[in-house]
Amino acid sequence: MIATQRFVFLHLHKTGGQFVNRVLLRHLPDARAIGYHLPRSAAPPELRNLPVIGFVRNPWDWYVSWYAFNLAQPQRNPIFRALSADGQLDFKHTLINLLHLGCDRSRALRTRISTALPETRAGNLGSGITRADLLGFEDETCGYFTWLWRYMFFLDARADGLHAGRMENLRADLLEALPAVGQPVTPELRDAVLTNPPVNASARRDYRACYDAKLRALVAARDAELVDTYGYGF
């Protein structure tokens, strides 16, 4: 989380947040980092009513990125370890498990995973998801990415004050969001947003090659909220 006097930036995992973090911390004198992958609900009370900037990503692409990232370091994420059988399951079967994680049929699995999650966010340099957060994920229709989006950006079950950009258009959308939350954009800040190199970018194949028709449709159904709200297609 990056906090300023005018707004808060929330870093949703795998949506270009490290680039935004770096730009804001370097070019806004009052910007400061608070925690790591903190959700809006965990912001200090004096910040919770500030406008929020965040980024979303094509859900089909996001799941491929999530799988590849965790497969490279499977011991780091208890959720990935459990849903992929310690990295032994392929993308398709891991994703099917992930997409149904909030369902009643996965209740025992959530309980088992939660025992490996931290009780608090203090010092947490991973996803920031706590034991209580995961145990509270109960939704028969919602995919994991949609749940994570709500967890990060909703306050009292609402997204009031959220200025969401699409990662696929991150630079331009960030330059639109900053004035919208009352943040002046200096020439130096604009130049940094437009020209600084990507941060933590990874080269990989087209995400569409990872899906068959049924898996594609399953993501469309379970993450329909994000697909419809932000105009995504496969």
C-alpha atoms as a PDB file:
ATOM      1  CA  MET A   1       0.000   0.000   0.000  1.00  0.00           C
ATOM      2  CA  ILE A   2       1.246   3.477  -0.907  1.00  0.00           C
ATOM      3  CA  ALA A   3      -0.345   6.280   1.093  1.00  0.00           C
ATOM      4  CA  THR A   4      -0.354   9.982   0.250  1.00  0.00           C
ATOM      5  CA  GLN A   5      -2.325  12.948   1.532  1.00  0.00           C
ATOM      6  CA  ARG A   6      -4.694  12.719  -1.447  1.00  0.00           C
ATOM      7  CA  PHE A   7      -5.093   9.010  -2.207  1.00  0.00           C
ATOM      8  CA  VAL A   8      -4.041   5.449  -1.482  1.00  0.00           C
ATOM      9  CA  PHE A   9      -2.626   3.012  -4.035  1.00  0.00           C
ATOM     10  CA  LEU A  10      -3.388  -0.659  -3.393  1.00  0.00           C
ATOM     11  CA  HIS A  11      -1.169  -3.282  -4.983  1.00  0.00           C
ATOM     12  CA  LEU A  12      -3.201  -6.248  -6.183  1.00  0.00           C
ATOM     13  CA  HIS A  13      -0.854  -9.175  -6.804  1.00  0.00           C
ATOM     14  CA  LYS A  14       0.327  -9.604 -10.442  1.00  0.00           C
ATOM     15  CA  THR A  15      -1.187  -6.376 -11.823  1.00  0.00           C
ATOM     16  CA  GLY A  16       1.864  -4.163 -12.332  1.00  0.00           C
ATOM     17  CA  GLY A  17       1.905  -2.830  -8.800  1.00  0.00           C
ATOM     18  CA  GLN A  18       5.665  -2.811  -8.329  1.00  0.00           C
ATOM     19  CA  PHE A  19       6.018  -0.391 -11.243  1.00  0.00           C
ATOM     20  CA  VAL A  20       3.410   1.943  -9.740  1.00  0.00           C
ATOM     21  CA  ASN A  21       4.912   1.648  -6.254  1.00  0.00           C
ATOM     22  CA  ARG A  22       8.322   2.669  -7.507  1.00  0.00           C
ATOM     23  CA  VAL A  23       7.073   5.622  -9.544  1.00  0.00           C
ATOM     24  CA  LEU A  24       4.946   7.014  -6.726  1.00  0.00           C
ATOM     25  CA  LEU A  25       7.627   6.636  -4.060  1.00  0.00           C
ATOM     26  CA  ARG A  26      10.229   8.320  -6.244  1.00  0.00           C
ATOM     27  CA  HIS A  27       8.140  11.221  -7.500  1.00  0.00           C
ATOM     28  CA  LEU A  28       5.602  12.090  -4.782  1.00  0.00           C
ATOM     29  CA  PRO A  29       7.316  13.624  -1.733  1.00  0.00           C
ATOM     30  CA  ASP A  30       4.524  12.624   0.644  1.00  0.00           C
ATOM     31  CA  ALA A  31       4.217   9.029  -0.587  1.00  0.00           C
ATOM     32  CA  ARG A  32       5.029   6.317   1.925  1.00  0.00           C
ATOM     33  CA  ALA A  33       4.784   2.546   1.896  1.00  0.00           C
ATOM     34  CA  ILE A  34       2.584   0.844   4.485  1.00  0.00           C
ATOM     35  CA  GLY A  35       2.719  -2.927   4.773  1.00  0.00           C
ATOM     36  CA  TYR A  36       2.799  -5.273   1.792  1.00  0.00           C
ATOM     37  CA  HIS A  37      -0.244  -6.177  -0.341  1.00  0.00           C
ATOM     38  CA  LEU A  38      -2.478  -4.705   2.335  1.00  0.00           C
ATOM     39  CA  PRO A  39      -6.203  -4.511   1.540  1.00  0.00           C
ATOM     40  CA  ARG A  40      -8.241  -1.351   1.886  1.00  0.00           C
ATOM     41  CA  SER A  41      -9.820  -2.618   5.091  1.00  0.00           C
ATOM     42  CA  ALA A  42      -6.371  -2.767   6.717  1.00  0.00           C
ATOM     43  CA  ALA A  43      -5.495   0.861   5.985  1.00  0.00           C
ATOM     44  CA  PRO A  44      -5.010   3.103   9.009  1.00  0.00           C
ATOM     45  CA  PRO A  45      -8.362   4.684   9.946  1.00  0.00           C
ATOM     46  CA  GLU A  46      -7.321   8.146   8.802  1.00  0.00           C
ATOM     47  CA  LEU A  47      -6.734   6.818   5.262  1.00  0.00           C
ATOM     48  CA  ARG A  48      -9.836   4.712   4.734  1.00  0.00           C
ATOM     49  CA  ASN A  49     -11.968   7.502   3.307  1.00  0.00           C
ATOM     50  CA  LEU A  50      -9.355   8.609   0.786  1.00  0.00           C
ATOM     51  CA  PRO A  51      -9.818   7.781  -2.905  1.00  0.00           C
ATOM     52  CA  VAL A  52      -8.123   4.572  -3.997  1.00  0.00           C
ATOM     53  CA  ILE A  53      -6.168   3.750  -7.150  1.00  0.00           C
ATOM     54  CA  GLY A  54      -5.781   0.128  -8.203  1.00  0.00           C
ATOM     55  CA  PHE A  55      -5.348  -2.044 -11.271  1.00  0.00           C
ATOM     56  CA  VAL A  56      -7.178  -5.071 -12.583  1.00  0.00           C
ATOM     57  CA  ARG A  57      -6.056  -7.592 -15.201  1.00  0.00           C
ATOM     58  CA  ASN A  58      -7.645  -9.907 -17.723  1.00  0.00           C
ATOM     59  CA  PRO A  59      -8.697 -12.842 -15.508  1.00  0.00           C
ATOM     60  CA  TRP A  60      -7.619 -15.527 -17.989  1.00  0.00           C
ATOM     61  CA  ASP A  61      -4.186 -13.898 -18.203  1.00  0.00           C
ATOM     62  CA  TRP A  62      -3.982 -13.312 -14.450  1.00  0.00           C
ATOM     63  CA  TYR A  63      -4.511 -16.981 -13.609  1.00  0.00           C
ATOM     64  CA  VAL A  64      -1.721 -18.043 -15.962  1.00  0.00           C
ATOM     65  CA  SER A  65       0.593 -15.475 -14.399  1.00  0.00           C
ATOM     66  CA  TRP A  66      -0.385 -16.577 -10.883  1.00  0.00           C
ATOM     67  CA  TYR A  67       0.314 -20.218 -11.701  1.00  0.00           C
ATOM     68  CA  ALA A  68       3.670 -19.522 -13.371  1.00  0.00           C
ATOM     69  CA  PHE A  69       4.823 -17.254 -10.553  1.00  0.00           C
ATOM     70  CA  ASN A  70       3.977 -19.762  -7.845  1.00  0.00           C
ATOM     71  CA  LEU A  71       5.250 -22.777  -9.769  1.00  0.00           C
ATOM     72  CA  ALA A  72       8.704 -21.179  -9.781  1.00  0.00           C
ATOM     73  CA  GLN A  73       8.659 -21.017  -5.959  1.00  0.00           C
ATOM     74  CA  PRO A  74       5.943 -23.427  -4.820  1.00  0.00           C
ATOM     75  CA  GLN A  75       6.938 -23.534  -1.156  1.00  0.00           C
ATOM     76  CA  ARG A  76       6.178 -19.849  -0.680  1.00  0.00           C
ATOM     77  CA  ASN A  77       2.397 -19.944  -1.080  1.00  0.00           C
ATOM     78  CA  PRO A  78       0.334 -22.398   1.021  1.00  0.00           C
ATOM     79  CA  ILE A  79      -2.692 -21.868  -1.222  1.00  0.00           C
ATOM     80  CA  PHE A  80      -0.744 -22.870  -4.314  1.00  0.00           C
ATOM     81  CA  ARG A  81       0.872 -25.826  -2.550  1.00  0.00           C
ATOM     82  CA  ALA A  82      -2.472 -27.277  -1.550  1.00  0.00           C
ATOM     83  CA  LEU A  83      -4.288 -26.661  -4.827  1.00  0.00           C
ATOM     84  CA  SER A  84      -1.460 -27.897  -7.047  1.00  0.00           C
ATOM     85  CA  ALA A  85      -0.367 -30.885  -4.944  1.00  0.00           C
ATOM     86  CA  ASP A  86       2.948 -29.188  -4.227  1.00  0.00           C
ATOM     87  CA  GLY A  87       3.371 -28.134  -7.840  1.00  0.00           C
ATOM     88  CA  GLN A  88       2.627 -31.559  -9.311  1.00  0.00           C
ATOM     89  CA  LEU A  89      -0.725 -30.676 -10.902  1.00  0.00           C
ATOM     90  CA  ASP A  90      -0.814 -28.927 -14.243  1.00  0.00           C
ATOM     91  CA  PHE A  91      -2.313 -25.495 -14.836  1.00  0.00           C
ATOM     92  CA  LYS A  92      -5.763 -26.780 -15.759  1.00  0.00           C
ATOM     93  CA  HIS A  93      -6.341 -28.908 -12.675  1.00  0.00           C
ATOM     94  CA  THR A  94      -4.771 -26.368 -10.321  1.00  0.00           C
ATOM     95  CA  LEU A  95      -7.007 -23.653 -11.733  1.00  0.00           C
ATOM     96  CA  ILE A  96     -10.137 -25.771 -11.409  1.00  0.00           C
ATOM     97  CA  ASN A  97      -9.303 -26.195  -7.729  1.00  0.00           C
ATOM     98  CA  LEU A  98      -8.626 -22.474  -7.342  1.00  0.00           C
ATOM     99  CA  LEU A  99     -11.829 -21.415  -9.082  1.00  0.00           C
ATOM    100  CA  HIS A 100     -13.862 -23.533  -6.654  1.00  0.00           C
ATOM    101  CA  LEU A 101     -11.953 -22.624  -3.514  1.00  0.00           C
ATOM    102  CA  GLY A 102     -14.855 -20.592  -2.122  1.00  0.00           C
ATOM    103  CA  CYS A 103     -17.417 -23.353  -2.654  1.00  0.00           C
ATOM    104  CA  ASP A 104     -18.887 -25.438   0.122  1.00  0.00           C
ATOM    105  CA  ARG A 105     -17.240 -28.534  -1.329  1.00  0.00           C
ATOM    106  CA  SER A 106     -13.866 -26.899  -0.584  1.00  0.00           C
ATOM    107  CA  ARG A 107     -14.643 -26.029   3.036  1.00  0.00           C
ATOM    108  CA  ALA A 108     -12.360 -28.711   4.467  1.00  0.00           C
ATOM    109  CA  LEU A 109      -9.624 -27.701   2.041  1.00  0.00           C
ATOM    110  CA  ARG A 110      -9.868 -24.053   3.097  1.00  0.00           C
ATOM    111  CA  THR A 111      -9.614 -25.112   6.716  1.00  0.00           C
ATOM    112  CA  ARG A 112      -6.509 -27.167   5.998  1.00  0.00           C
ATOM    113  CA  ILE A 113      -4.849 -24.374   4.023  1.00  0.00           C
ATOM    114  CA  SER A 114      -5.675 -21.814   6.688  1.00  0.00           C
ATOM    115  CA  THR A 115      -3.531 -23.617   9.251  1.00  0.00           C
ATOM    116  CA  ALA A 116      -0.477 -22.711   7.157  1.00  0.00           C
ATOM    117  CA  LEU A 117      -1.436 -19.039   6.796  1.00  0.00           C
ATOM    118  CA  PRO A 118      -0.366 -16.330   9.247  1.00  0.00           C
ATOM    119  CA  GLU A 119      -2.789 -15.134  11.880  1.00  0.00           C
ATOM    120  CA  THR A 120      -1.841 -11.489  11.274  1.00  0.00           C
ATOM    121  CA  ARG A 121      -0.354  -9.400   8.464  1.00  0.00           C
ATOM    122  CA  ALA A 122       2.528  -8.180  10.618  1.00  0.00           C
ATOM    123  CA  GLY A 123       5.783  -8.750   8.746  1.00  0.00           C
ATOM    124  CA  ASN A 124       3.992 -10.648   5.982  1.00  0.00           C
ATOM    125  CA  LEU A 125       5.857 -10.257   2.687  1.00  0.00           C
ATOM    126  CA  GLY A 126       3.664 -12.703   0.776  1.00  0.00           C
ATOM    127  CA  SER A 127       0.108 -12.311  -0.428  1.00  0.00           C
ATOM    128  CA  GLY A 128      -1.000 -10.773   2.864  1.00  0.00           C
ATOM    129  CA  ILE A 129      -3.907 -13.204   3.151  1.00  0.00           C
ATOM    130  CA  THR A 130      -4.438 -14.292   6.741  1.00  0.00           C
ATOM    131  CA  ARG A 131      -6.047 -17.375   8.216  1.00  0.00           C
ATOM    132  CA  ALA A 132      -9.276 -15.494   8.911  1.00  0.00           C
ATOM    133  CA  ASP A 133      -9.355 -14.008   5.402  1.00  0.00           C
ATOM    134  CA  LEU A 134      -9.329 -17.412   3.744  1.00  0.00           C
ATOM    135  CA  LEU A 135     -11.812 -18.933   6.161  1.00  0.00           C
ATOM    136  CA  GLY A 136     -14.142 -16.067   5.284  1.00  0.00           C
ATOM    137  CA  PHE A 137     -14.041 -16.917   1.574  1.00  0.00           C
ATOM    138  CA  GLU A 138     -17.413 -18.590   1.178  1.00  0.00           C
ATOM    139  CA  ASP A 139     -19.025 -18.023  -2.211  1.00  0.00           C
ATOM    140  CA  GLU A 140     -20.542 -20.657  -4.469  1.00  0.00           C
ATOM    141  CA  THR A 141     -20.319 -18.500  -7.608  1.00  0.00           C
ATOM    142  CA  CYS A 142     -17.206 -16.355  -7.216  1.00  0.00           C
ATOM    143  CA  GLY A 143     -13.782 -17.146  -8.672  1.00  0.00           C
ATOM    144  CA  TYR A 144     -10.603 -16.605  -6.689  1.00  0.00           C
ATOM    145  CA  PHE A 145      -9.499 -13.521  -8.628  1.00  0.00           C
ATOM    146  CA  THR A 146     -12.859 -11.827  -8.135  1.00  0.00           C
ATOM    147  CA  TRP A 147     -12.740 -12.664  -4.425  1.00  0.00           C
ATOM    148  CA  LEU A 148      -9.194 -11.281  -4.212  1.00  0.00           C
ATOM    149  CA  TRP A 149     -10.327  -8.118  -5.995  1.00  0.00           C
ATOM    150  CA  ARG A 150     -13.140  -7.577  -3.518  1.00  0.00           C
ATOM    151  CA  TYR A 151     -10.843  -8.402  -0.597  1.00  0.00           C
ATOM    152  CA  MET A 152      -8.322  -5.787  -1.730  1.00  0.00           C
ATOM    153  CA  PHE A 153     -10.576  -2.934  -2.810  1.00  0.00           C
ATOM    154  CA  PHE A 154     -13.969  -3.198  -1.134  1.00  0.00           C
ATOM    155  CA  LEU A 155     -14.780  -1.452   2.118  1.00  0.00           C
ATOM    156  CA  ASP A 156     -18.038  -2.419   3.810  1.00  0.00           C
ATOM    157  CA  ALA A 157     -18.881  -4.504   0.721  1.00  0.00           C
ATOM    158  CA  ARG A 158     -18.601  -1.469  -1.568  1.00  0.00           C
ATOM    159  CA  ALA A 159     -15.989  -0.069  -3.949  1.00  0.00           C
ATOM    160  CA  ASP A 160     -16.824   3.601  -3.380  1.00  0.00           C
ATOM    161  CA  GLY A 161     -13.995   5.960  -4.297  1.00  0.00           C
ATOM    162  CA  LEU A 162     -12.120   3.361  -6.343  1.00  0.00           C
ATOM    163  CA  HIS A 163     -10.371   4.514  -9.508  1.00  0.00           C
ATOM    164  CA  ALA A 164      -9.520   1.255 -11.263  1.00  0.00           C
ATOM    165  CA  GLY A 165      -7.305   1.007 -14.307  1.00  0.00           C
ATOM    166  CA  ARG A 166      -6.526  -1.960 -16.510  1.00  0.00           C
ATOM    167  CA  MET A 167      -3.017  -3.357 -16.315  1.00  0.00           C
ATOM    168  CA  GLU A 168      -3.035  -3.767 -20.083  1.00  0.00           C
ATOM    169  CA  ASN A 169      -3.212   0.043 -20.323  1.00  0.00           C
ATOM    170  CA  LEU A 170      -1.376   0.768 -17.091  1.00  0.00           C
ATOM    171  CA  ARG A 171       0.630   3.856 -18.031  1.00  0.00           C
ATOM    172  CA  ALA A 172      -2.220   5.773 -19.648  1.00  0.00           C
ATOM    173  CA  ASP A 173      -4.738   4.702 -17.023  1.00  0.00           C
ATOM    174  CA  LEU A 174      -2.434   5.761 -14.191  1.00  0.00           C
ATOM    175  CA  LEU A 175      -2.035   9.196 -15.763  1.00  0.00           C
ATOM    176  CA  GLU A 176      -5.827   9.484 -15.882  1.00  0.00           C
ATOM    177  CA  ALA A 177      -6.349   8.234 -12.338  1.00  0.00           C
ATOM    178  CA  LEU A 178      -3.909  10.603 -10.648  1.00  0.00           C
ATOM    179  CA  PRO A 179      -5.706  13.855 -11.588  1.00  0.00           C
ATOM    180  CA  ALA A 180      -9.023  12.146 -10.847  1.00  0.00           C
ATOM    181  CA  VAL A 181      -7.979  11.735  -7.201  1.00  0.00           C
ATOM    182  CA  GLY A 182      -6.634  15.286  -7.010  1.00  0.00           C
ATOM    183  CA  GLN A 183      -2.958  14.500  -7.518  1.00  0.00           C
ATOM    184  CA  PRO A 184      -1.118  17.016  -9.749  1.00  0.00           C
ATOM    185  CA  VAL A 185       1.022  15.352 -12.407  1.00  0.00           C
ATOM    186  CA  THR A 186       4.332  17.124 -12.856  1.00  0.00           C
ATOM    187  CA  PRO A 187       6.287  16.816 -16.112  1.00  0.00           C
ATOM    188  CA  GLU A 188       8.790  14.628 -14.270  1.00  0.00           C
ATOM    189  CA  LEU A 189       6.092  12.299 -12.982  1.00  0.00           C
ATOM    190  CA  ARG A 190       4.455  12.068 -16.385  1.00  0.00           C
ATOM    191  CA  ASP A 191       7.777  11.258 -18.022  1.00  0.00           C
ATOM    192  CA  ALA A 192       8.501   8.545 -15.446  1.00  0.00           C
ATOM    193  CA  VAL A 193       5.118   6.910 -15.960  1.00  0.00           C
ATOM    194  CA  LEU A 194       5.535   6.937 -19.725  1.00  0.00           C
ATOM    195  CA  THR A 195       9.188   5.933 -20.031  1.00  0.00           C
ATOM    196  CA  ASN A 196      10.355   3.982 -16.977  1.00  0.00           C
ATOM    197  CA  PRO A 197      10.994   0.308 -17.765  1.00  0.00           C
ATOM    198  CA  PRO A 198       8.628  -2.392 -16.484  1.00  0.00           C
ATOM    199  CA  VAL A 199       9.357  -3.865 -13.068  1.00  0.00           C
ATOM    200  CA  ASN A 200       9.352  -7.610 -12.399  1.00  0.00           C
ATOM    201  CA  ALA A 201       7.979  -8.385 -15.860  1.00  0.00           C
ATOM    202  CA  SER A 202       8.222 -11.980 -17.062  1.00  0.00           C
ATOM    203  CA  ALA A 203       8.307 -13.344 -20.583  1.00  0.00           C
ATOM    204  CA  ARG A 204       5.903 -16.192 -21.303  1.00  0.00           C
ATOM    205  CA  ARG A 205       3.687 -17.594 -24.007  1.00  0.00           C
ATOM    206  CA  ASP A 206       0.223 -16.358 -24.949  1.00  0.00           C
ATOM    207  CA  TYR A 207      -2.128 -17.165 -22.058  1.00  0.00           C
ATOM    208  CA  ARG A 208      -4.793 -18.383 -24.493  1.00  0.00           C
ATOM    209  CA  ALA A 209      -2.709 -21.450 -25.279  1.00  0.00           C
ATOM    210  CA  CYS A 210      -3.231 -22.644 -21.698  1.00  0.00           C
ATOM    211  CA  TYR A 211      -7.015 -22.996 -21.964  1.00  0.00           C
ATOM    212  CA  ASP A 212      -9.397 -25.461 -23.499  1.00  0.00           C
ATOM    213  CA  ALA A 213     -12.999 -24.475 -24.164  1.00  0.00           C
ATOM    214  CA  LYS A 214     -14.362 -25.764 -20.844  1.00  0.00           C
ATOM    215  CA  LEU A 215     -11.703 -24.074 -18.732  1.00  0.00           C
ATOM    216  CA  ARG A 216     -12.143 -20.848 -20.648  1.00  0.00           C
ATOM    217  CA  ALA A 217     -15.892 -20.943 -19.972  1.00  0.00           C
ATOM    218  CA  LEU A 218     -15.367 -21.744 -16.293  1.00  0.00           C
ATOM    219  CA  VAL A 219     -13.288 -18.589 -15.790  1.00  0.00           C
ATOM    220  CA  ALA A 220     -15.874 -16.571 -17.717  1.00  0.00           C
ATOM    221  CA  ALA A 221     -18.596 -17.809 -15.384  1.00  0.00           C
ATOM    222  CA  ARG A 222     -16.837 -17.560 -12.052  1.00  0.00           C
ATOM    223  CA  ASP A 223     -15.112 -14.241 -12.734  1.00  0.00           C
ATOM    224  CA  ALA A 224     -18.010 -12.691 -14.650  1.00  0.00           C
ATOM    225  CA  GLU A 225     -18.044  -9.697 -12.310  1.00  0.00           C
ATOM    226  CA  LEU A 226     -14.582  -8.594 -13.426  1.00  0.00           C
ATOM    227  CA  VAL A 227     -15.073  -9.649 -17.038  1.00  0.00           C
ATOM    228  CA  ASP A 228     -18.269  -7.629 -17.351  1.00  0.00           C
ATOM    229  CA  THR A 229     -17.274  -4.623 -15.260  1.00  0.00           C
ATOM    230  CA  TYR A 230     -13.963  -4.017 -17.007  1.00  0.00           C
ATOM    231  CA  GLY A 231     -14.832  -5.231 -20.476  1.00  0.00           C
ATOM    232  CA  TYR A 232     -12.531  -8.214 -20.719  1.00  0.00           C
ATOM    233  CA  GLY A 233     -12.699 -10.969 -23.278  1.00  0.00           C
ATOM    234  CA  PHE A 234     -10.710 -14.103 -23.856  1.00  0.00           C
END
